[in-house]
């Protein structure tokens, strides 16, 4: 009986010691939906508007501090193991992405316009 238990323990230790290889996967962006439009004001001096929510994505245009944009939704991506938040925005028909930290968001366009006038 002791021999059987000893053999089982050895087999169990080999089975448990196998290294599991973890692969990092890139998930597609996931919109966080909200109802109605929001409006944002660029709070950084120079902001690149990207084609996709990624630092390596193509730049579509740039915005300066005080620019007002329509905010469509917020999305979070994982880049190099770090969660990054992006706003999907609309600028006069051009849709793109900017980092969450570069934008203050308001419930109405009037609030955004008032705030933009104060920071310029």
PDB file of N, CA and C in Angstrom:
ATOM      1  N   UNK A   1       0.819  -1.183   0.000  1.00  0.00           N
ATOM      2  CA  UNK A   1       0.000   0.000   0.000  1.00  0.00           C
ATOM      3  C   UNK A   1       0.872   1.259   0.000  1.00  0.00           C
ATOM      4  N   UNK A   2       1.961   1.238   0.778  1.00  0.00           N
ATOM      5  CA  UNK A   2       2.862   2.379   0.837  1.00  0.00           C
ATOM      6  C   UNK A   2       3.519   2.615  -0.512  1.00  0.00           C
ATOM      7  N   UNK A   3       3.849   1.525  -1.207  1.00  0.00           N
ATOM      8  CA  UNK A   3       4.475   1.659  -2.520  1.00  0.00           C
ATOM      9  C   UNK A   3       3.510   2.299  -3.516  1.00  0.00           C
ATOM     10  N   UNK A   4       2.272   1.926  -3.472  1.00  0.00           N
ATOM     11  CA  UNK A   4       1.267   2.474  -4.381  1.00  0.00           C
ATOM     12  C   UNK A   4       1.098   3.967  -4.110  1.00  0.00           C
ATOM     13  N   UNK A   5       0.996   4.347  -2.846  1.00  0.00           N
ATOM     14  CA  UNK A   5       0.887   5.763  -2.489  1.00  0.00           C
ATOM     15  C   UNK A   5       2.128   6.535  -2.921  1.00  0.00           C
ATOM     16  N   UNK A   6       3.290   5.953  -2.743  1.00  0.00           N
ATOM     17  CA  UNK A   6       4.534   6.600  -3.144  1.00  0.00           C
ATOM     18  C   UNK A   6       4.559   6.837  -4.660  1.00  0.00           C
ATOM     19  N   UNK A   7       4.170   5.847  -5.428  1.00  0.00           N
ATOM     20  CA  UNK A   7       4.133   5.969  -6.885  1.00  0.00           C
ATOM     21  C   UNK A   7       3.101   7.016  -7.298  1.00  0.00           C
ATOM     22  N   UNK A   8       1.939   7.020  -6.672  1.00  0.00           N
ATOM     23  CA  UNK A   8       0.917   8.021  -6.983  1.00  0.00           C
ATOM     24  C   UNK A   8       1.403   9.434  -6.672  1.00  0.00           C
ATOM     25  N   UNK A   9       2.111   9.612  -5.578  1.00  0.00           N
ATOM     26  CA  UNK A   9       2.640  10.928  -5.211  1.00  0.00           C
ATOM     27  C   UNK A   9       3.677  11.394  -6.226  1.00  0.00           C
ATOM     28  N   UNK A  10       4.510  10.488  -6.681  1.00  0.00           N
ATOM     29  CA  UNK A  10       5.518  10.851  -7.683  1.00  0.00           C
ATOM     30  C   UNK A  10       4.838  11.238  -8.988  1.00  0.00           C
ATOM     31  N   UNK A  11       3.865  10.475  -9.433  1.00  0.00           N
ATOM     32  CA  UNK A  11       3.136  10.798 -10.656  1.00  0.00           C
ATOM     33  C   UNK A  11       2.398  12.124 -10.519  1.00  0.00           C
ATOM     34  N   UNK A  12       1.807  12.341  -9.379  1.00  0.00           N
ATOM     35  CA  UNK A  12       1.087  13.586  -9.137  1.00  0.00           C
ATOM     36  C   UNK A  12       2.032  14.783  -9.145  1.00  0.00           C
ATOM     37  N   UNK A  13       3.209  14.626  -8.574  1.00  0.00           N
ATOM     38  CA  UNK A  13       4.165  15.740  -8.551  1.00  0.00           C
ATOM     39  C   UNK A  13       4.657  16.074  -9.963  1.00  0.00           C
ATOM     40  N   UNK A  14       4.831  15.070 -10.824  1.00  0.00           N
ATOM     41  CA  UNK A  14       5.223  15.345 -12.203  1.00  0.00           C
ATOM     42  C   UNK A  14       4.091  16.027 -12.970  1.00  0.00           C
ATOM     43  N   UNK A  15       2.868  15.603 -12.712  1.00  0.00           N
ATOM     44  CA  UNK A  15       1.723  16.193 -13.403  1.00  0.00           C
ATOM     45  C   UNK A  15       1.525  17.649 -12.989  1.00  0.00           C
ATOM     46  N   UNK A  16       1.785  17.970 -11.740  1.00  0.00           N
ATOM     47  CA  UNK A  16       1.582  19.332 -11.242  1.00  0.00           C
ATOM     48  C   UNK A  16       2.744  20.260 -11.556  1.00  0.00           C
ATOM     49  N   UNK A  17       3.888  19.715 -11.864  1.00  0.00           N
ATOM     50  CA  UNK A  17       5.053  20.567 -12.088  1.00  0.00           C
ATOM     51  C   UNK A  17       5.193  21.019 -13.541  1.00  0.00           C
ATOM     52  N   UNK A  18       4.304  20.594 -14.401  1.00  0.00           N
ATOM     53  CA  UNK A  18       4.367  20.997 -15.800  1.00  0.00           C
ATOM     54  C   UNK A  18       4.123  22.497 -15.911  1.00  0.00           C
ATOM     55  N   UNK A  19       5.017  23.168 -16.606  1.00  0.00           N
ATOM     56  CA  UNK A  19       4.877  24.609 -16.779  1.00  0.00           C
ATOM     57  C   UNK A  19       3.798  24.899 -17.812  1.00  0.00           C
ATOM     58  N   UNK A  20       2.948  25.834 -17.450  1.00  0.00           N
ATOM     59  CA  UNK A  20       1.884  26.250 -18.357  1.00  0.00           C
ATOM     60  C   UNK A  20       2.346  27.525 -19.041  1.00  0.00           C
ATOM     61  N   UNK A  21       2.317  27.503 -20.340  1.00  0.00           N
ATOM     62  CA  UNK A  21       2.741  28.664 -21.113  1.00  0.00           C
ATOM     63  C   UNK A  21       1.561  29.605 -21.292  1.00  0.00           C
ATOM     64  N   UNK A  22       1.735  30.859 -20.855  1.00  0.00           N
ATOM     65  CA  UNK A  22       0.679  31.860 -20.989  1.00  0.00           C
ATOM     66  C   UNK A  22       0.979  32.734 -22.190  1.00  0.00           C
ATOM     67  N   UNK A  23       0.006  32.858 -23.030  1.00  0.00           N
ATOM     68  CA  UNK A  23       0.160  33.723 -24.194  1.00  0.00           C
ATOM     69  C   UNK A  23      -0.665  34.978 -23.972  1.00  0.00           C
ATOM     70  N   UNK A  24      -0.082  36.122 -24.302  1.00  0.00           N
ATOM     71  CA  UNK A  24      -0.821  37.369 -24.202  1.00  0.00           C
ATOM     72  C   UNK A  24      -1.646  37.530 -25.464  1.00  0.00           C
ATOM     73  N   UNK A  25      -2.900  37.842 -25.287  1.00  0.00           N
ATOM     74  CA  UNK A  25      -3.772  38.034 -26.437  1.00  0.00           C
ATOM     75  C   UNK A  25      -4.244  39.485 -26.466  1.00  0.00           C
ATOM     76  N   UNK A  26      -4.440  39.991 -27.639  1.00  0.00           N
ATOM     77  CA  UNK A  26      -4.963  41.333 -27.826  1.00  0.00           C
ATOM     78  C   UNK A  26      -6.467  41.223 -28.062  1.00  0.00           C
ATOM     79  N   UNK A  27      -7.235  41.851 -27.198  1.00  0.00           N
ATOM     80  CA  UNK A  27      -8.677  41.838 -27.355  1.00  0.00           C
ATOM     81  C   UNK A  27      -9.103  43.025 -28.199  1.00  0.00           C
ATOM     82  N   UNK A  28     -10.161  42.862 -28.976  1.00  0.00           N
ATOM     83  CA  UNK A  28     -10.658  44.015 -29.744  1.00  0.00           C
ATOM     84  C   UNK A  28     -11.230  45.045 -28.787  1.00  0.00           C
ATOM     85  N   UNK A  29     -11.273  46.313 -29.227  1.00  0.00           N
ATOM     86  CA  UNK A  29     -11.822  47.333 -28.345  1.00  0.00           C
ATOM     87  C   UNK A  29     -13.274  47.015 -28.052  1.00  0.00           C
ATOM     88  N   UNK A  30     -13.681  47.375 -26.865  1.00  0.00           N
ATOM     89  CA  UNK A  30     -15.034  47.112 -26.412  1.00  0.00           C
ATOM     90  C   UNK A  30     -15.682  48.424 -26.025  1.00  0.00           C
ATOM     91  N   UNK A  31     -16.693  48.856 -26.767  1.00  0.00           N
ATOM     92  CA  UNK A  31     -17.336  50.124 -26.424  1.00  0.00           C
ATOM     93  C   UNK A  31     -18.105  50.035 -25.118  1.00  0.00           C
ATOM     94  N   UNK A  32     -18.057  51.100 -24.359  1.00  0.00           N
ATOM     95  CA  UNK A  32     -18.870  51.229 -23.165  1.00  0.00           C
ATOM     96  C   UNK A  32     -19.998  52.167 -23.576  1.00  0.00           C
ATOM     97  N   UNK A  33     -21.155  51.595 -23.781  1.00  0.00           N
ATOM     98  CA  UNK A  33     -22.255  52.335 -24.385  1.00  0.00           C
ATOM     99  C   UNK A  33     -22.926  53.283 -23.395  1.00  0.00           C
ATOM    100  N   UNK A  34     -23.371  54.401 -23.923  1.00  0.00           N
ATOM    101  CA  UNK A  34     -24.179  55.333 -23.152  1.00  0.00           C
ATOM    102  C   UNK A  34     -25.230  55.902 -24.094  1.00  0.00           C
ATOM    103  N   UNK A  35     -26.287  56.433 -23.518  1.00  0.00           N
ATOM    104  CA  UNK A  35     -27.330  56.978 -24.369  1.00  0.00           C
ATOM    105  C   UNK A  35     -27.082  58.455 -24.607  1.00  0.00           C
ATOM    106  N   UNK A  36     -27.410  58.925 -25.809  1.00  0.00           N
ATOM    107  CA  UNK A  36     -27.254  60.333 -26.137  1.00  0.00           C
ATOM    108  C   UNK A  36     -25.814  60.701 -26.434  1.00  0.00           C
ATOM    109  N   UNK A  37     -25.642  61.887 -26.998  1.00  0.00           N
ATOM    110  CA  UNK A  37     -24.308  62.368 -27.321  1.00  0.00           C
ATOM    111  C   UNK A  37     -23.706  63.094 -26.133  1.00  0.00           C
ATOM    112  N   UNK A  38     -22.420  63.006 -26.036  1.00  0.00           N
ATOM    113  CA  UNK A  38     -21.661  63.798 -25.081  1.00  0.00           C
ATOM    114  C   UNK A  38     -20.732  64.681 -25.899  1.00  0.00           C
ATOM    115  N   UNK A  39     -20.185  65.685 -25.268  1.00  0.00           N
ATOM    116  CA  UNK A  39     -19.284  66.604 -25.946  1.00  0.00           C
ATOM    117  C   UNK A  39     -18.019  66.723 -25.143  1.00  0.00           C
ATOM    118  N   UNK A  40     -16.909  66.825 -25.836  1.00  0.00           N
ATOM    119  CA  UNK A  40     -15.623  66.893 -25.163  1.00  0.00           C
ATOM    120  C   UNK A  40     -14.831  68.112 -25.581  1.00  0.00           C
ATOM    121  N   UNK A  41     -13.960  68.538 -24.669  1.00  0.00           N
ATOM    122  CA  UNK A  41     -13.046  69.642 -24.930  1.00  0.00           C
ATOM    123  C   UNK A  41     -11.628  69.119 -24.724  1.00  0.00           C
ATOM    124  N   UNK A  42     -10.781  69.342 -25.724  1.00  0.00           N
ATOM    125  CA  UNK A  42      -9.390  68.916 -25.642  1.00  0.00           C
ATOM    126  C   UNK A  42      -8.692  69.756 -24.582  1.00  0.00           C
ATOM    127  N   UNK A  43      -8.029  69.096 -23.626  1.00  0.00           N
ATOM    128  CA  UNK A  43      -7.365  69.803 -22.530  1.00  0.00           C
ATOM    129  C   UNK A  43      -5.844  69.755 -22.632  1.00  0.00           C
ATOM    130  N   UNK A  44      -5.327  69.042 -23.623  1.00  0.00           N
ATOM    131  CA  UNK A  44      -3.877  68.982 -23.849  1.00  0.00           C
ATOM    132  C   UNK A  44      -3.523  69.937 -24.992  1.00  0.00           C
ATOM    133  N   UNK A  45      -2.280  70.382 -25.028  1.00  0.00           N
ATOM    134  CA  UNK A  45      -1.864  71.349 -26.041  1.00  0.00           C
ATOM    135  C   UNK A  45      -1.961  70.813 -27.458  1.00  0.00           C
ATOM    136  N   UNK A  46      -1.611  69.553 -27.659  1.00  0.00           N
ATOM    137  CA  UNK A  46      -1.588  68.961 -29.004  1.00  0.00           C
ATOM    138  C   UNK A  46      -2.005  67.504 -28.876  1.00  0.00           C
ATOM    139  N   UNK A  47      -3.044  67.117 -29.591  1.00  0.00           N
ATOM    140  CA  UNK A  47      -3.577  65.756 -29.495  1.00  0.00           C
ATOM    141  C   UNK A  47      -3.660  65.144 -30.880  1.00  0.00           C
ATOM    142  N   UNK A  48      -3.152  63.929 -31.002  1.00  0.00           N
ATOM    143  CA  UNK A  48      -3.261  63.192 -32.259  1.00  0.00           C
ATOM    144  C   UNK A  48      -4.559  62.398 -32.273  1.00  0.00           C
ATOM    145  N   UNK A  49      -5.330  62.540 -33.336  1.00  0.00           N
ATOM    146  CA  UNK A  49      -6.540  61.743 -33.527  1.00  0.00           C
ATOM    147  C   UNK A  49      -6.132  60.524 -34.344  1.00  0.00           C
ATOM    148  N   UNK A  50      -6.373  59.333 -33.787  1.00  0.00           N
ATOM    149  CA  UNK A  50      -5.929  58.089 -34.405  1.00  0.00           C
ATOM    150  C   UNK A  50      -7.064  57.392 -35.154  1.00  0.00           C
ATOM    151  N   UNK A  51      -6.686  56.594 -36.138  1.00  0.00           N
ATOM    152  CA  UNK A  51      -7.655  55.823 -36.923  1.00  0.00           C
ATOM    153  C   UNK A  51      -8.283  54.712 -36.089  1.00  0.00           C
ATOM    154  N   UNK A  52      -7.488  54.093 -35.213  1.00  0.00           N
ATOM    155  CA  UNK A  52      -7.927  53.021 -34.324  1.00  0.00           C
ATOM    156  C   UNK A  52      -7.454  53.332 -32.910  1.00  0.00           C
ATOM    157  N   UNK A  53      -8.044  52.704 -31.888  1.00  0.00           N
ATOM    158  CA  UNK A  53      -7.626  52.972 -30.512  1.00  0.00           C
ATOM    159  C   UNK A  53      -6.313  52.279 -30.159  1.00  0.00           C
ATOM    160  N   UNK A  54      -5.220  52.814 -30.692  1.00  0.00           N
ATOM    161  CA  UNK A  54      -3.892  52.248 -30.462  1.00  0.00           C
ATOM    162  C   UNK A  54      -2.843  53.315 -30.734  1.00  0.00           C
ATOM    163  N   UNK A  55      -1.798  53.340 -29.910  1.00  0.00           N
ATOM    164  CA  UNK A  55      -0.713  54.300 -30.127  1.00  0.00           C
ATOM    165  C   UNK A  55      -0.036  54.100 -31.476  1.00  0.00           C
ATOM    166  N   UNK A  56      -0.021  52.857 -31.964  1.00  0.00           N
ATOM    167  CA  UNK A  56       0.651  52.566 -33.227  1.00  0.00           C
ATOM    168  C   UNK A  56      -0.239  52.804 -34.452  1.00  0.00           C
ATOM    169  N   UNK A  57      -1.474  53.216 -34.234  1.00  0.00           N
ATOM    170  CA  UNK A  57      -2.411  53.439 -35.327  1.00  0.00           C
ATOM    171  C   UNK A  57      -2.055  54.704 -36.122  1.00  0.00           C
ATOM    172  N   UNK A  58      -2.551  54.776 -37.339  1.00  0.00           N
ATOM    173  CA  UNK A  58      -2.334  55.920 -38.221  1.00  0.00           C
ATOM    174  C   UNK A  58      -2.990  57.177 -37.660  1.00  0.00           C
ATOM    175  N   UNK A  59      -2.291  58.302 -37.735  1.00  0.00           N
ATOM    176  CA  UNK A  59      -2.843  59.573 -37.290  1.00  0.00           C
ATOM    177  C   UNK A  59      -3.715  60.154 -38.393  1.00  0.00           C
ATOM    178  N   UNK A  60      -4.954  60.526 -38.051  1.00  0.00           N
ATOM    179  CA  UNK A  60      -5.870  61.121 -39.023  1.00  0.00           C
ATOM    180  C   UNK A  60      -5.722  62.636 -39.078  1.00  0.00           C
ATOM    181  N   UNK A  61      -5.619  63.252 -37.926  1.00  0.00           N
ATOM    182  CA  UNK A  61      -5.482  64.701 -37.820  1.00  0.00           C
ATOM    183  C   UNK A  61      -4.986  65.019 -36.417  1.00  0.00           C
ATOM    184  N   UNK A  62      -4.854  66.277 -36.116  1.00  0.00           N
ATOM    185  CA  UNK A  62      -4.476  66.679 -34.762  1.00  0.00           C
ATOM    186  C   UNK A  62      -5.433  67.769 -34.287  1.00  0.00           C
ATOM    187  N   UNK A  63      -5.538  67.888 -32.976  1.00  0.00           N
ATOM    188  CA  UNK A  63      -6.381  68.906 -32.360  1.00  0.00           C
ATOM    189  C   UNK A  63      -5.561  69.695 -31.353  1.00  0.00           C
ATOM    190  N   UNK A  64      -5.968  70.923 -31.118  1.00  0.00           N
ATOM    191  CA  UNK A  64      -5.282  71.757 -30.134  1.00  0.00           C
ATOM    192  C   UNK A  64      -6.189  71.983 -28.929  1.00  0.00           C
ATOM    193  N   UNK A  65      -5.595  72.474 -27.875  1.00  0.00           N
ATOM    194  CA  UNK A  65      -6.307  72.744 -26.631  1.00  0.00           C
ATOM    195  C   UNK A  65      -7.519  73.635 -26.894  1.00  0.00           C
ATOM    196  N   UNK A  66      -8.668  73.246 -26.341  1.00  0.00           N
ATOM    197  CA  UNK A  66      -9.890  74.013 -26.514  1.00  0.00           C
ATOM    198  C   UNK A  66     -10.774  73.538 -27.653  1.00  0.00           C
ATOM    199  N   UNK A  67     -10.298  72.607 -28.483  1.00  0.00           N
ATOM    200  CA  UNK A  67     -11.119  72.066 -29.574  1.00  0.00           C
ATOM    201  C   UNK A  67     -12.303  71.298 -28.990  1.00  0.00           C
ATOM    202  N   UNK A  68     -13.454  71.427 -29.634  1.00  0.00           N
ATOM    203  CA  UNK A  68     -14.670  70.764 -29.176  1.00  0.00           C
ATOM    204  C   UNK A  68     -15.004  69.627 -30.136  1.00  0.00           C
ATOM    205  N   UNK A  69     -15.310  68.442 -29.561  1.00  0.00           N
ATOM    206  CA  UNK A  69     -15.619  67.259 -30.367  1.00  0.00           C
ATOM    207  C   UNK A  69     -16.855  66.572 -29.807  1.00  0.00           C
ATOM    208  N   UNK A  70     -17.543  65.851 -30.669  1.00  0.00           N
ATOM    209  CA  UNK A  70     -18.643  65.005 -30.212  1.00  0.00           C
ATOM    210  C   UNK A  70     -18.046  63.683 -29.741  1.00  0.00           C
ATOM    211  N   UNK A  71     -18.448  63.239 -28.565  1.00  0.00           N
ATOM    212  CA  UNK A  71     -17.945  61.982 -28.003  1.00  0.00           C
ATOM    213  C   UNK A  71     -18.982  60.899 -28.272  1.00  0.00           C
ATOM    214  N   UNK A  72     -18.570  59.854 -28.991  1.00  0.00           N
ATOM    215  CA  UNK A  72     -19.485  58.767 -29.349  1.00  0.00           C
ATOM    216  C   UNK A  72     -19.544  57.701 -28.259  1.00  0.00           C
ATOM    217  N   UNK A  73     -18.384  57.242 -27.807  1.00  0.00           N
ATOM    218  CA  UNK A  73     -18.336  56.299 -26.694  1.00  0.00           C
ATOM    219  C   UNK A  73     -16.908  56.147 -26.186  1.00  0.00           C
ATOM    220  N   UNK A  74     -16.814  55.534 -25.020  1.00  0.00           N
ATOM    221  CA  UNK A  74     -15.527  55.252 -24.373  1.00  0.00           C
ATOM    222  C   UNK A  74     -15.200  53.784 -24.585  1.00  0.00           C
ATOM    223  N   UNK A  75     -13.939  53.500 -24.843  1.00  0.00           N
ATOM    224  CA  UNK A  75     -13.494  52.134 -25.050  1.00  0.00           C
ATOM    225  C   UNK A  75     -12.213  51.913 -24.258  1.00  0.00           C
ATOM    226  N   UNK A  76     -12.008  50.684 -23.832  1.00  0.00           N
ATOM    227  CA  UNK A  76     -10.767  50.342 -23.138  1.00  0.00           C
ATOM    228  C   UNK A  76     -10.065  49.232 -23.910  1.00  0.00           C
ATOM    229  N   UNK A  77      -8.755  49.388 -24.084  1.00  0.00           N
ATOM    230  CA  UNK A  77      -7.952  48.368 -24.749  1.00  0.00           C
ATOM    231  C   UNK A  77      -6.828  47.954 -23.814  1.00  0.00           C
ATOM    232  N   UNK A  78      -6.206  46.838 -24.112  1.00  0.00           N
ATOM    233  CA  UNK A  78      -5.042  46.398 -23.350  1.00  0.00           C
ATOM    234  C   UNK A  78      -3.845  46.475 -24.273  1.00  0.00           C
ATOM    235  N   UNK A  79      -2.884  47.329 -23.904  1.00  0.00           N
ATOM    236  CA  UNK A  79      -1.658  47.494 -24.685  1.00  0.00           C
ATOM    237  C   UNK A  79      -0.479  47.189 -23.789  1.00  0.00           C
ATOM    238  N   UNK A  80       0.277  46.157 -24.147  1.00  0.00           N
ATOM    239  CA  UNK A  80       1.440  45.722 -23.378  1.00  0.00           C
ATOM    240  C   UNK A  80       1.082  45.466 -21.916  1.00  0.00           C
ATOM    241  N   UNK A  81      -0.078  44.848 -21.710  1.00  0.00           N
ATOM    242  CA  UNK A  81      -0.507  44.491 -20.371  1.00  0.00           C
ATOM    243  C   UNK A  81      -1.117  45.627 -19.563  1.00  0.00           C
ATOM    244  N   UNK A  82      -1.268  46.805 -20.159  1.00  0.00           N
ATOM    245  CA  UNK A  82      -1.825  47.963 -19.459  1.00  0.00           C
ATOM    246  C   UNK A  82      -3.159  48.339 -20.099  1.00  0.00           C
ATOM    247  N   UNK A  83      -4.160  48.607 -19.279  1.00  0.00           N
ATOM    248  CA  UNK A  83      -5.454  49.040 -19.791  1.00  0.00           C
ATOM    249  C   UNK A  83      -5.379  50.515 -20.158  1.00  0.00           C
ATOM    250  N   UNK A  84      -5.773  50.826 -21.392  1.00  0.00           N
ATOM    251  CA  UNK A  84      -5.747  52.199 -21.894  1.00  0.00           C
ATOM    252  C   UNK A  84      -7.163  52.569 -22.328  1.00  0.00           C
ATOM    253  N   UNK A  85      -7.627  53.754 -21.910  1.00  0.00           N
ATOM    254  CA  UNK A  85      -8.976  54.215 -22.256  1.00  0.00           C
ATOM    255  C   UNK A  85      -8.910  55.211 -23.404  1.00  0.00           C
ATOM    256  N   UNK A  86      -9.804  55.029 -24.381  1.00  0.00           N
ATOM    257  CA  UNK A  86      -9.874  55.869 -25.574  1.00  0.00           C
ATOM    258  C   UNK A  86     -11.304  56.348 -25.773  1.00  0.00           C
ATOM    259  N   UNK A  87     -11.445  57.578 -26.263  1.00  0.00           N
ATOM    260  CA  UNK A  87     -12.747  58.072 -26.682  1.00  0.00           C
ATOM    261  C   UNK A  87     -12.845  57.975 -28.204  1.00  0.00           C
ATOM    262  N   UNK A  88     -13.959  57.426 -28.678  1.00  0.00           N
ATOM    263  CA  UNK A  88     -14.264  57.451 -30.105  1.00  0.00           C
ATOM    264  C   UNK A  88     -15.008  58.760 -30.335  1.00  0.00           C
ATOM    265  N   UNK A  89     -14.486  59.598 -31.218  1.00  0.00           N
ATOM    266  CA  UNK A  89     -15.018  60.949 -31.378  1.00  0.00           C
ATOM    267  C   UNK A  89     -15.421  61.225 -32.825  1.00  0.00           C
ATOM    268  N   UNK A  90     -16.208  62.264 -32.978  1.00  0.00           N
ATOM    269  CA  UNK A  90     -16.631  62.733 -34.289  1.00  0.00           C
ATOM    270  C   UNK A  90     -16.293  64.219 -34.367  1.00  0.00           C
ATOM    271  N   UNK A  91     -15.561  64.587 -35.418  1.00  0.00           N
ATOM    272  CA  UNK A  91     -15.217  65.987 -35.658  1.00  0.00           C
ATOM    273  C   UNK A  91     -15.722  66.329 -37.051  1.00  0.00           C
ATOM    274  N   UNK A  92     -16.895  66.927 -37.128  1.00  0.00           N
ATOM    275  CA  UNK A  92     -17.475  67.333 -38.411  1.00  0.00           C
ATOM    276  C   UNK A  92     -17.459  66.200 -39.435  1.00  0.00           C
ATOM    277  N   UNK A  93     -17.870  65.006 -39.013  1.00  0.00           N
ATOM    278  CA  UNK A  93     -17.950  63.860 -39.909  1.00  0.00           C
ATOM    279  C   UNK A  93     -16.724  62.959 -39.918  1.00  0.00           C
ATOM    280  N   UNK A  94     -15.602  63.426 -39.405  1.00  0.00           N
ATOM    281  CA  UNK A  94     -14.394  62.595 -39.308  1.00  0.00           C
ATOM    282  C   UNK A  94     -14.415  61.883 -37.961  1.00  0.00           C
ATOM    283  N   UNK A  95     -14.385  60.559 -38.013  1.00  0.00           N
ATOM    284  CA  UNK A  95     -14.395  59.776 -36.776  1.00  0.00           C
ATOM    285  C   UNK A  95     -13.007  59.248 -36.490  1.00  0.00           C
ATOM    286  N   UNK A  96     -12.622  59.335 -35.227  1.00  0.00           N
ATOM    287  CA  UNK A  96     -11.309  58.862 -34.822  1.00  0.00           C
ATOM    288  C   UNK A  96     -11.276  58.615 -33.323  1.00  0.00           C
ATOM    289  N   UNK A  97     -10.075  58.416 -32.818  1.00  0.00           N
ATOM    290  CA  UNK A  97      -9.869  58.037 -31.425  1.00  0.00           C
ATOM    291  C   UNK A  97      -8.849  58.955 -30.766  1.00  0.00           C
ATOM    292  N   UNK A  98      -9.135  59.363 -29.526  1.00  0.00           N
ATOM    293  CA  UNK A  98      -8.134  60.086 -28.737  1.00  0.00           C
ATOM    294  C   UNK A  98      -8.118  59.513 -27.321  1.00  0.00           C
ATOM    295  N   UNK A  99      -6.984  59.657 -26.661  1.00  0.00           N
ATOM    296  CA  UNK A  99      -6.842  59.148 -25.305  1.00  0.00           C
ATOM    297  C   UNK A  99      -7.772  59.865 -24.341  1.00  0.00           C
ATOM    298  N   UNK A 100      -8.298  59.130 -23.405  1.00  0.00           N
ATOM    299  CA  UNK A 100      -9.238  59.671 -22.418  1.00  0.00           C
ATOM    300  C   UNK A 100      -8.619  60.826 -21.638  1.00  0.00           C
ATOM    301  N   UNK A 101      -7.345  60.732 -21.315  1.00  0.00           N
ATOM    302  CA  UNK A 101      -6.677  61.764 -20.508  1.00  0.00           C
ATOM    303  C   UNK A 101      -6.560  63.108 -21.215  1.00  0.00           C
ATOM    304  N   UNK A 102      -6.778  63.150 -22.529  1.00  0.00           N
ATOM    305  CA  UNK A 102      -6.645  64.387 -23.297  1.00  0.00           C
ATOM    306  C   UNK A 102      -7.969  65.127 -23.467  1.00  0.00           C
ATOM    307  N   UNK A 103      -9.044  64.647 -22.824  1.00  0.00           N
ATOM    308  CA  UNK A 103     -10.372  65.193 -23.078  1.00  0.00           C
ATOM    309  C   UNK A 103     -11.174  65.314 -21.782  1.00  0.00           C
ATOM    310  N   UNK A 104     -11.847  66.445 -21.598  1.00  0.00           N
ATOM    311  CA  UNK A 104     -12.861  66.588 -20.557  1.00  0.00           C
ATOM    312  C   UNK A 104     -14.212  66.446 -21.246  1.00  0.00           C
ATOM    313  N   UNK A 105     -15.104  65.655 -20.667  1.00  0.00           N
ATOM    314  CA  UNK A 105     -16.376  65.341 -21.305  1.00  0.00           C
ATOM    315  C   UNK A 105     -17.528  65.999 -20.549  1.00  0.00           C
ATOM    316  N   UNK A 106     -18.499  66.503 -21.326  1.00  0.00           N
ATOM    317  CA  UNK A 106     -19.661  67.204 -20.783  1.00  0.00           C
ATOM    318  C   UNK A 106     -20.936  66.620 -21.371  1.00  0.00           C
ATOM    319  N   UNK A 107     -22.046  66.810 -20.657  1.00  0.00           N
ATOM    320  CA  UNK A 107     -23.332  66.264 -21.104  1.00  0.00           C
ATOM    321  C   UNK A 107     -23.922  67.042 -22.269  1.00  0.00           C
ATOM    322  N   UNK A 108     -23.600  68.327 -22.379  1.00  0.00           N
ATOM    323  CA  UNK A 108     -24.181  69.124 -23.463  1.00  0.00           C
ATOM    324  C   UNK A 108     -23.093  69.894 -24.206  1.00  0.00           C
ATOM    325  N   UNK A 109     -23.424  70.255 -25.434  1.00  0.00           N
ATOM    326  CA  UNK A 109     -22.487  71.044 -26.235  1.00  0.00           C
ATOM    327  C   UNK A 109     -22.297  72.428 -25.608  1.00  0.00           C
ATOM    328  N   UNK A 110     -23.349  72.969 -25.034  1.00  0.00           N
ATOM    329  CA  UNK A 110     -23.268  74.288 -24.397  1.00  0.00           C
ATOM    330  C   UNK A 110     -22.251  74.287 -23.248  1.00  0.00           C
ATOM    331  N   UNK A 111     -22.268  73.224 -22.436  1.00  0.00           N
ATOM    332  CA  UNK A 111     -21.294  73.115 -21.345  1.00  0.00           C
ATOM    333  C   UNK A 111     -19.874  73.043 -21.898  1.00  0.00           C
ATOM    334  N   UNK A 112     -19.694  72.290 -22.975  1.00  0.00           N
ATOM    335  CA  UNK A 112     -18.366  72.151 -23.581  1.00  0.00           C
ATOM    336  C   UNK A 112     -17.889  73.494 -24.136  1.00  0.00           C
ATOM    337  N   UNK A 113     -18.773  74.224 -24.797  1.00  0.00           N
ATOM    338  CA  UNK A 113     -18.420  75.532 -25.365  1.00  0.00           C
ATOM    339  C   UNK A 113     -18.026  76.500 -24.250  1.00  0.00           C
ATOM    340  N   UNK A 114     -18.787  76.512 -23.158  1.00  0.00           N
ATOM    341  CA  UNK A 114     -18.460  77.386 -22.028  1.00  0.00           C
ATOM    342  C   UNK A 114     -17.102  77.040 -21.427  1.00  0.00           C
ATOM    343  N   UNK A 115     -16.834  75.752 -21.255  1.00  0.00           N
ATOM    344  CA  UNK A 115     -15.560  75.328 -20.692  1.00  0.00           C
ATOM    345  C   UNK A 115     -14.400  75.672 -21.634  1.00  0.00           C
ATOM    346  N   UNK A 116     -14.598  75.455 -22.941  1.00  0.00           N
ATOM    347  CA  UNK A 116     -13.548  75.748 -23.926  1.00  0.00           C
ATOM    348  C   UNK A 116     -13.204  77.232 -23.894  1.00  0.00           C
ATOM    349  N   UNK A 117     -14.198  78.099 -23.734  1.00  0.00           N
ATOM    350  CA  UNK A 117     -13.945  79.535 -23.672  1.00  0.00           C
ATOM    351  C   UNK A 117     -13.124  79.919 -22.462  1.00  0.00           C
ATOM    352  N   UNK A 118     -13.246  79.160 -21.386  1.00  0.00           N
ATOM    353  CA  UNK A 118     -12.509  79.464 -20.159  1.00  0.00           C
ATOM    354  C   UNK A 118     -11.046  79.018 -20.220  1.00  0.00           C
ATOM    355  N   UNK A 119     -10.734  77.980 -21.007  1.00  0.00           N
ATOM    356  CA  UNK A 119      -9.336  77.469 -21.006  1.00  0.00           C
ATOM    357  C   UNK A 119      -8.476  78.035 -22.114  1.00  0.00           C
ATOM    358  N   UNK A 120      -9.063  78.735 -23.073  1.00  0.00           N
ATOM    359  CA  UNK A 120      -8.253  79.234 -24.194  1.00  0.00           C
ATOM    360  C   UNK A 120      -7.482  80.447 -23.849  1.00  0.00           C
TER     361      UNK A 120
END
